[in-house]
Amino acid sequence: MKKNLKALLIVGGAILCNGFALAKLPALSDDAKAKAAEAAAKTAWTGKLEAYQLCKAQDKVAARTKPAVKGAKPAVVASSCVDPGPFVYAPTAAAAPASSAPASAAVAAKKP
């Protein structure tokens, strides 16, 4: 009897918690969206920087491991590494008016 009651309470608690977990979250604020966009841009830049650093390291290793021929000039190989430069985040100016445009259009539509 106690095992059945305990199992019933566990199942009931799981169902109750499931209802809370499925509740709809509020929409993100403009500040949160801007922070998320900046974080995405920073992550993309970090990936480019890591790829650049890997490319430079591979070039350095390849230059050391190539067999040197006596009397021959070392071949200069153009590196395909592209430096991403410093991180600069510039939010798009078109995003701010676009978000306020539907609100102004709705206000204009209500006026007779």
Protein backbone atom coordinates (compact mmCIF):
# COMPACT_ATOMS: atom_id res chain seq x y z
CA MET A 1 0.00 0.00 0.00
CA LYS A 2 2.80 2.43 0.90
CA LYS A 3 4.69 1.57 -2.31
CA ASN A 4 1.62 2.38 -4.41
CA LEU A 5 1.06 5.67 -2.57
CA LYS A 6 4.71 6.63 -2.96
CA ALA A 7 4.63 5.80 -6.68
CA LEU A 8 1.41 7.79 -7.07
CA LEU A 9 2.94 10.82 -5.37
CA ILE A 10 6.06 10.62 -7.55
CA VAL A 11 4.00 10.38 -10.73
CA GLY A 12 1.73 13.20 -9.60
CA GLY A 13 4.71 15.41 -8.80
CA ALA A 14 6.25 14.67 -12.18
CA ILE A 15 3.03 15.62 -13.96
CA LEU A 16 2.78 18.83 -11.95
CA CYS A 17 6.38 19.79 -12.71
CA ASN A 18 5.85 18.94 -16.37
CA GLY A 19 3.06 21.51 -16.53
CA PHE A 20 5.39 24.21 -15.18
CA ALA A 21 8.11 23.23 -17.62
CA LEU A 22 5.78 23.60 -20.60
CA ALA A 23 4.65 27.10 -19.65
CA LYS A 24 5.24 29.69 -22.36
CA LEU A 25 8.15 32.01 -21.74
CA PRO A 26 7.73 35.73 -22.39
CA ALA A 27 9.24 37.25 -25.52
CA LEU A 28 12.78 38.58 -25.28
CA SER A 29 13.19 42.29 -24.69
CA ASP A 30 15.08 44.45 -27.18
CA ASP A 31 18.04 44.64 -24.81
CA ALA A 32 18.19 40.86 -24.50
CA LYS A 33 17.98 40.49 -28.29
CA ALA A 34 20.83 42.99 -28.71
CA LYS A 35 22.98 41.14 -26.17
CA ALA A 36 22.26 37.84 -27.91
CA ALA A 37 23.21 39.31 -31.29
CA GLU A 38 26.43 40.71 -29.84
CA ALA A 39 27.26 37.35 -28.25
CA ALA A 40 26.66 35.61 -31.59
CA ALA A 41 28.93 38.09 -33.37
CA LYS A 42 31.64 37.64 -30.72
CA THR A 43 31.38 33.84 -31.05
CA ALA A 44 31.71 34.06 -34.84
CA TRP A 45 34.74 36.34 -34.52
CA THR A 46 36.32 33.98 -31.98
CA GLY A 47 35.92 31.11 -34.44
CA LYS A 48 37.64 33.14 -37.17
CA LEU A 49 40.44 34.09 -34.81
CA GLU A 50 40.99 30.46 -33.79
CA ALA A 51 41.07 29.40 -37.45
CA TYR A 52 43.66 32.11 -38.16
CA GLN A 53 45.84 31.03 -35.24
CA LEU A 54 45.62 27.40 -36.35
CA CYS A 55 46.57 28.35 -39.90
CA LYS A 56 49.63 30.30 -38.69
CA ALA A 57 50.72 27.39 -36.49
CA GLN A 58 50.33 24.96 -39.39
CA ASP A 59 52.40 27.22 -41.64
CA LYS A 60 55.14 27.41 -39.00
CA VAL A 61 55.24 23.61 -38.61
CA ALA A 62 55.20 23.07 -42.38
CA ALA A 63 58.11 25.48 -42.81
CA ARG A 64 60.16 23.60 -40.21
CA THR A 65 59.45 20.13 -41.55
CA LYS A 66 60.13 20.75 -45.25
CA PRO A 67 63.39 19.13 -46.27
CA ALA A 68 66.06 21.68 -47.06
CA VAL A 69 68.16 21.16 -50.16
CA LYS A 70 71.72 22.49 -49.97
CA GLY A 71 72.27 25.45 -52.24
CA ALA A 72 68.59 25.88 -53.10
CA LYS A 73 66.66 28.94 -52.13
CA PRO A 74 63.72 28.25 -49.85
CA ALA A 75 60.44 28.59 -51.67
CA VAL A 76 58.27 31.39 -50.40
CA VAL A 77 54.73 30.11 -50.10
CA ALA A 78 51.94 32.64 -49.88
CA SER A 79 49.93 31.99 -46.77
CA SER A 80 46.18 31.68 -47.11
CA CYS A 81 45.72 32.80 -43.50
CA VAL A 82 43.38 35.78 -43.13
CA ASP A 83 43.69 37.87 -39.98
CA PRO A 84 40.17 38.68 -38.68
CA GLY A 85 41.40 41.84 -36.93
CA PRO A 86 40.14 43.09 -33.57
CA PHE A 87 36.55 42.43 -32.50
CA VAL A 88 34.29 45.33 -33.38
CA TYR A 89 30.55 45.01 -32.90
CA ALA A 90 28.41 47.45 -34.83
CA PRO A 91 24.68 46.74 -34.52
CA THR A 92 22.78 47.28 -37.71
CA ALA A 93 20.97 50.62 -37.83
CA ALA A 94 18.19 49.13 -39.96
CA ALA A 95 17.13 46.82 -37.13
CA ALA A 96 16.01 49.61 -34.79
CA PRO A 97 13.65 51.44 -37.20
CA ALA A 98 12.30 48.14 -38.51
CA SER A 99 11.17 47.10 -35.03
CA SER A 100 9.41 50.43 -34.45
CA ALA A 101 7.88 50.58 -37.94
CA PRO A 102 5.11 48.00 -37.31
CA ALA A 103 4.08 49.86 -34.15
CA SER A 104 3.82 53.19 -35.99
CA ALA A 105 1.94 51.51 -38.84
CA ALA A 106 -0.54 50.05 -36.36
CA VAL A 107 -1.09 53.48 -34.76
CA ALA A 108 -1.56 55.06 -38.20
CA ALA A 109 -4.06 52.38 -39.17
CA LYS A 110 -6.19 53.04 -36.08
CA LYS A 111 -6.53 56.76 -36.85
CA PRO A 112 -9.59 57.47 -39.09
